[in-house]
Amino acid sequence: MKRVFICLTTIGLATFLMVCAVAALASAADPEDQIYEKSPDERFGFRDSFAGAAKTEQSEMSDPMAIEVVEISSKRVVLPSPKEALTPIHLRREPYWSNDSKHIALSFQTGSRTWTAMLYEWDGKEFAEVSWPRDAIRKRVEEEQAAQLKALGLPESTPPEACL
């Protein structure tokens, strides 16, 4: 208490109150402007989005409605939150950045008991989804099954199990 009194008499009450007000404003920064999980080259980072959430004391502590990847210098969104993700969004782990900052891997919740992992690649303007090798394999299997159904004279709607 003695130090506060000495501080007040040295700098004045008005200056003391102004310093306290500036400190309070700085600590109450808008959470939607806070960037975290920066890329290795620090060009990109993640930002939480609380859009649509009611601004209550309880909601300030809750999960964000969405996450976005932004270009730090311009604050431009280069990867919006995945449409498949539940809201509020839940990430399984922190996002993984490649060493060259051109790839991101995200694992997020898509259902009450399901999670999805997605890969994204920088194309010079934004991050675009990258297809997995298993997607190409699945497509090839489906094409082969359709060809076999056609060869047997069965409709395409025939379940694959019926052909075994």
C-alpha atoms as a PDB file:
ATOM      1  CA  MET A   1       0.000   0.000   0.000  1.00  0.00           C
ATOM      2  CA  LYS A   2       2.879   2.334   0.821  1.00  0.00           C
ATOM      3  CA  ARG A   3       4.306   1.778  -2.712  1.00  0.00           C
ATOM      4  CA  VAL A   4       0.966   2.627  -4.334  1.00  0.00           C
ATOM      5  CA  PHE A   5       0.783   5.866  -2.316  1.00  0.00           C
ATOM      6  CA  ILE A   6       4.345   6.799  -3.323  1.00  0.00           C
ATOM      7  CA  CYS A   7       3.498   5.998  -6.967  1.00  0.00           C
ATOM      8  CA  LEU A   8       0.359   8.154  -6.816  1.00  0.00           C
ATOM      9  CA  THR A   9       2.156  11.113  -5.305  1.00  0.00           C
ATOM     10  CA  THR A  10       5.029  10.818  -7.797  1.00  0.00           C
ATOM     11  CA  ILE A  11       3.076  10.494 -11.068  1.00  0.00           C
ATOM     12  CA  GLY A  12      -0.298  11.886 -10.088  1.00  0.00           C
ATOM     13  CA  LEU A  13      -3.704  10.314  -9.824  1.00  0.00           C
ATOM     14  CA  ALA A  14      -4.776  11.105 -13.410  1.00  0.00           C
ATOM     15  CA  THR A  15      -1.674   9.493 -14.907  1.00  0.00           C
ATOM     16  CA  PHE A  16      -2.085   6.452 -12.643  1.00  0.00           C
ATOM     17  CA  LEU A  17      -5.725   5.982 -13.733  1.00  0.00           C
ATOM     18  CA  MET A  18      -4.778   6.368 -17.405  1.00  0.00           C
ATOM     19  CA  VAL A  19      -2.080   3.681 -17.071  1.00  0.00           C
ATOM     20  CA  CYS A  20      -4.599   1.356 -15.401  1.00  0.00           C
ATOM     21  CA  ALA A  21      -7.160   1.978 -18.174  1.00  0.00           C
ATOM     22  CA  VAL A  22      -4.627   1.240 -20.929  1.00  0.00           C
ATOM     23  CA  ALA A  23      -3.555  -1.956 -19.156  1.00  0.00           C
ATOM     24  CA  ALA A  24      -7.191  -3.058 -18.826  1.00  0.00           C
ATOM     25  CA  LEU A  25      -7.873  -2.440 -22.523  1.00  0.00           C
ATOM     26  CA  ALA A  26      -4.756  -4.328 -23.553  1.00  0.00           C
ATOM     27  CA  SER A  27      -5.713  -7.369 -21.501  1.00  0.00           C
ATOM     28  CA  ALA A  28      -9.270  -7.343 -22.902  1.00  0.00           C
ATOM     29  CA  ALA A  29      -8.184  -7.543 -26.552  1.00  0.00           C
ATOM     30  CA  ASP A  30     -10.697  -8.974 -28.976  1.00  0.00           C
ATOM     31  CA  PRO A  31     -10.170 -12.776 -29.000  1.00  0.00           C
ATOM     32  CA  GLU A  32     -10.976 -12.840 -32.719  1.00  0.00           C
ATOM     33  CA  ASP A  33      -7.814 -10.829 -33.403  1.00  0.00           C
ATOM     34  CA  GLN A  34      -5.514 -13.153 -31.477  1.00  0.00           C
ATOM     35  CA  ILE A  35      -3.390 -15.363 -33.704  1.00  0.00           C
ATOM     36  CA  TYR A  36      -1.875 -18.615 -32.462  1.00  0.00           C
ATOM     37  CA  GLU A  37      -0.226 -21.733 -33.891  1.00  0.00           C
ATOM     38  CA  LYS A  38       1.816 -19.751 -36.392  1.00  0.00           C
ATOM     39  CA  SER A  39       3.391 -21.480 -39.351  1.00  0.00           C
ATOM     40  CA  PRO A  40       7.156 -22.151 -39.191  1.00  0.00           C
ATOM     41  CA  ASP A  41       7.853 -19.136 -41.430  1.00  0.00           C
ATOM     42  CA  GLU A  42       5.371 -17.070 -39.339  1.00  0.00           C
ATOM     43  CA  ARG A  43       3.473 -16.016 -42.464  1.00  0.00           C
ATOM     44  CA  PHE A  44       0.218 -17.748 -41.460  1.00  0.00           C
ATOM     45  CA  GLY A  45      -1.565 -18.415 -38.202  1.00  0.00           C
ATOM     46  CA  PHE A  46      -4.844 -19.631 -36.735  1.00  0.00           C
ATOM     47  CA  ARG A  47      -7.543 -17.329 -35.415  1.00  0.00           C
ATOM     48  CA  ASP A  48     -10.684 -18.310 -33.511  1.00  0.00           C
ATOM     49  CA  SER A  49     -14.055 -17.095 -34.702  1.00  0.00           C
ATOM     50  CA  PHE A  50     -16.846 -16.555 -32.208  1.00  0.00           C
ATOM     51  CA  ALA A  51     -19.320 -15.328 -34.856  1.00  0.00           C
ATOM     52  CA  GLY A  52     -22.896 -16.106 -33.915  1.00  0.00           C
ATOM     53  CA  ALA A  53     -22.049 -16.846 -30.304  1.00  0.00           C
ATOM     54  CA  ALA A  54     -23.846 -14.803 -27.673  1.00  0.00           C
ATOM     55  CA  LYS A  55     -21.398 -12.542 -25.879  1.00  0.00           C
ATOM     56  CA  THR A  56     -21.879 -13.673 -22.313  1.00  0.00           C
ATOM     57  CA  GLU A  57     -19.408 -14.241 -19.552  1.00  0.00           C
ATOM     58  CA  GLN A  58     -19.851 -17.997 -19.986  1.00  0.00           C
ATOM     59  CA  SER A  59     -19.412 -17.995 -23.788  1.00  0.00           C
ATOM     60  CA  GLU A  60     -16.116 -16.125 -23.562  1.00  0.00           C
ATOM     61  CA  MET A  61     -14.622 -19.215 -21.961  1.00  0.00           C
ATOM     62  CA  SER A  62     -16.242 -21.682 -24.399  1.00  0.00           C
ATOM     63  CA  ASP A  63     -14.858 -23.155 -27.584  1.00  0.00           C
ATOM     64  CA  PRO A  64     -14.805 -21.039 -30.736  1.00  0.00           C
ATOM     65  CA  MET A  65     -17.556 -21.519 -33.296  1.00  0.00           C
ATOM     66  CA  ALA A  66     -14.938 -21.905 -36.016  1.00  0.00           C
ATOM     67  CA  ILE A  67     -11.236 -21.514 -36.739  1.00  0.00           C
ATOM     68  CA  GLU A  68      -9.602 -19.778 -39.657  1.00  0.00           C
ATOM     69  CA  VAL A  69      -6.112 -19.696 -41.092  1.00  0.00           C
ATOM     70  CA  VAL A  70      -5.118 -16.118 -41.814  1.00  0.00           C
ATOM     71  CA  GLU A  71      -2.209 -14.458 -43.525  1.00  0.00           C
ATOM     72  CA  ILE A  72      -0.712 -12.587 -40.577  1.00  0.00           C
ATOM     73  CA  SER A  73       0.420  -9.478 -42.454  1.00  0.00           C
ATOM     74  CA  SER A  74      -2.992  -8.731 -43.998  1.00  0.00           C
ATOM     75  CA  LYS A  75      -5.324 -10.696 -41.644  1.00  0.00           C
ATOM     76  CA  ARG A  76      -6.846 -12.152 -44.847  1.00  0.00           C
ATOM     77  CA  VAL A  77      -8.556 -15.529 -44.386  1.00  0.00           C
ATOM     78  CA  VAL A  78      -6.711 -18.088 -46.524  1.00  0.00           C
ATOM     79  CA  LEU A  79      -8.492 -21.171 -45.134  1.00  0.00           C
ATOM     80  CA  PRO A  80     -11.970 -20.912 -43.626  1.00  0.00           C
ATOM     81  CA  SER A  81     -13.139 -23.368 -41.009  1.00  0.00           C
ATOM     82  CA  PRO A  82     -13.987 -26.806 -42.482  1.00  0.00           C
ATOM     83  CA  LYS A  83     -17.683 -27.049 -43.366  1.00  0.00           C
ATOM     84  CA  GLU A  84     -17.776 -30.644 -42.143  1.00  0.00           C
ATOM     85  CA  ALA A  85     -16.735 -29.678 -38.610  1.00  0.00           C
ATOM     86  CA  LEU A  86     -19.202 -29.508 -35.754  1.00  0.00           C
ATOM     87  CA  THR A  87     -19.849 -26.123 -34.184  1.00  0.00           C
ATOM     88  CA  PRO A  88     -18.391 -25.187 -31.841  1.00  0.00           C
ATOM     89  CA  ILE A  89     -15.323 -26.692 -33.456  1.00  0.00           C
ATOM     90  CA  HIS A  90     -13.206 -29.223 -31.593  1.00  0.00           C
ATOM     91  CA  LEU A  91      -9.710 -30.056 -32.797  1.00  0.00           C
ATOM     92  CA  ARG A  92      -8.287 -33.407 -31.756  1.00  0.00           C
ATOM     93  CA  ARG A  93      -4.736 -32.070 -31.681  1.00  0.00           C
ATOM     94  CA  GLU A  94      -2.991 -28.867 -32.548  1.00  0.00           C
ATOM     95  CA  PRO A  95      -2.708 -28.287 -36.298  1.00  0.00           C
ATOM     96  CA  TYR A  96       0.389 -29.706 -37.952  1.00  0.00           C
ATOM     97  CA  TRP A  97       2.393 -27.424 -40.237  1.00  0.00           C
ATOM     98  CA  SER A  98       4.930 -28.696 -42.758  1.00  0.00           C
ATOM     99  CA  ASN A  99       8.445 -27.287 -42.383  1.00  0.00           C
ATOM    100  CA  ASP A 100       7.992 -25.118 -45.489  1.00  0.00           C
ATOM    101  CA  SER A 101       4.589 -23.771 -44.235  1.00  0.00           C
ATOM    102  CA  LYS A 102       2.863 -24.918 -47.434  1.00  0.00           C
ATOM    103  CA  HIS A 103       0.863 -27.804 -45.946  1.00  0.00           C
ATOM    104  CA  ILE A 104      -1.473 -28.099 -42.948  1.00  0.00           C
ATOM    105  CA  ALA A 105      -3.070 -31.195 -41.425  1.00  0.00           C
ATOM    106  CA  LEU A 106      -6.177 -30.780 -39.266  1.00  0.00           C
ATOM    107  CA  SER A 107      -8.066 -33.362 -37.242  1.00  0.00           C
ATOM    108  CA  PHE A 108     -11.513 -32.207 -36.144  1.00  0.00           C
ATOM    109  CA  GLN A 109     -14.801 -33.600 -34.872  1.00  0.00           C
ATOM    110  CA  THR A 110     -17.522 -34.216 -37.471  1.00  0.00           C
ATOM    111  CA  GLY A 111     -20.039 -36.090 -35.343  1.00  0.00           C
ATOM    112  CA  SER A 112     -20.699 -37.097 -31.783  1.00  0.00           C
ATOM    113  CA  ARG A 113     -18.191 -39.956 -32.053  1.00  0.00           C
ATOM    114  CA  THR A 114     -16.432 -39.314 -35.362  1.00  0.00           C
ATOM    115  CA  TRP A 115     -13.328 -37.362 -36.322  1.00  0.00           C
ATOM    116  CA  THR A 116     -11.905 -36.446 -39.703  1.00  0.00           C
ATOM    117  CA  ALA A 117      -8.377 -35.563 -40.770  1.00  0.00           C
ATOM    118  CA  MET A 118      -7.871 -33.248 -43.723  1.00  0.00           C
ATOM    119  CA  LEU A 119      -4.803 -32.064 -45.604  1.00  0.00           C
ATOM    120  CA  TYR A 120      -4.454 -28.628 -47.154  1.00  0.00           C
ATOM    121  CA  GLU A 121      -1.843 -27.214 -49.529  1.00  0.00           C
ATOM    122  CA  TRP A 122      -0.911 -23.583 -50.306  1.00  0.00           C
ATOM    123  CA  ASP A 123      -1.682 -22.787 -53.956  1.00  0.00           C
ATOM    124  CA  GLY A 124      -0.349 -19.230 -53.952  1.00  0.00           C
ATOM    125  CA  LYS A 125      -3.658 -17.596 -52.970  1.00  0.00           C
ATOM    126  CA  GLU A 126      -5.214 -19.862 -50.341  1.00  0.00           C
ATOM    127  CA  PHE A 127      -5.014 -23.307 -48.786  1.00  0.00           C
ATOM    128  CA  ALA A 128      -6.893 -25.934 -50.820  1.00  0.00           C
ATOM    129  CA  GLU A 129      -7.877 -29.432 -49.736  1.00  0.00           C
ATOM    130  CA  VAL A 130      -5.543 -32.188 -50.922  1.00  0.00           C
ATOM    131  CA  SER A 131      -7.008 -35.577 -51.751  1.00  0.00           C
ATOM    132  CA  TRP A 132      -5.628 -38.574 -49.928  1.00  0.00           C
ATOM    133  CA  PRO A 133      -4.222 -41.602 -51.776  1.00  0.00           C
ATOM    134  CA  ARG A 134      -7.007 -43.690 -50.232  1.00  0.00           C
ATOM    135  CA  ASP A 135      -9.567 -41.469 -52.012  1.00  0.00           C
ATOM    136  CA  ALA A 136      -8.007 -42.341 -55.370  1.00  0.00           C
ATOM    137  CA  ILE A 137      -7.983 -46.033 -54.448  1.00  0.00           C
ATOM    138  CA  ARG A 138     -11.633 -45.917 -53.341  1.00  0.00           C
ATOM    139  CA  LYS A 139     -12.607 -44.198 -56.597  1.00  0.00           C
ATOM    140  CA  ARG A 140     -10.805 -46.866 -58.640  1.00  0.00           C
ATOM    141  CA  VAL A 141     -12.522 -49.676 -56.674  1.00  0.00           C
ATOM    142  CA  GLU A 142     -15.940 -48.071 -57.208  1.00  0.00           C
ATOM    143  CA  GLU A 143     -15.249 -47.718 -60.947  1.00  0.00           C
ATOM    144  CA  GLU A 144     -14.228 -51.391 -61.128  1.00  0.00           C
ATOM    145  CA  GLN A 145     -17.341 -52.480 -59.221  1.00  0.00           C
ATOM    146  CA  ALA A 146     -19.554 -50.436 -61.571  1.00  0.00           C
ATOM    147  CA  ALA A 147     -17.876 -52.066 -64.593  1.00  0.00           C
ATOM    148  CA  GLN A 148     -18.441 -55.539 -63.120  1.00  0.00           C
ATOM    149  CA  LEU A 149     -22.119 -54.781 -62.432  1.00  0.00           C
ATOM    150  CA  LYS A 150     -22.533 -53.560 -65.998  1.00  0.00           C
ATOM    151  CA  ALA A 151     -20.838 -56.691 -67.358  1.00  0.00           C
ATOM    152  CA  LEU A 152     -23.251 -58.851 -65.336  1.00  0.00           C
ATOM    153  CA  GLY A 153     -26.227 -56.823 -66.595  1.00  0.00           C
ATOM    154  CA  LEU A 154     -27.129 -55.603 -63.128  1.00  0.00           C
ATOM    155  CA  PRO A 155     -28.272 -52.057 -62.318  1.00  0.00           C
ATOM    156  CA  GLU A 156     -25.720 -49.656 -60.787  1.00  0.00           C
ATOM    157  CA  SER A 157     -27.836 -49.469 -57.640  1.00  0.00           C
ATOM    158  CA  THR A 158     -27.090 -53.151 -56.858  1.00  0.00           C
ATOM    159  CA  PRO A 159     -25.205 -53.371 -53.553  1.00  0.00           C
ATOM    160  CA  PRO A 160     -21.664 -54.781 -53.995  1.00  0.00           C
ATOM    161  CA  GLU A 161     -22.357 -57.528 -51.430  1.00  0.00           C
ATOM    162  CA  ALA A 162     -24.991 -59.031 -53.740  1.00  0.00           C
ATOM    163  CA  CYS A 163     -22.289 -59.852 -56.305  1.00  0.00           C
ATOM    164  CA  LEU A 164     -20.133 -61.945 -53.974  1.00  0.00           C
END
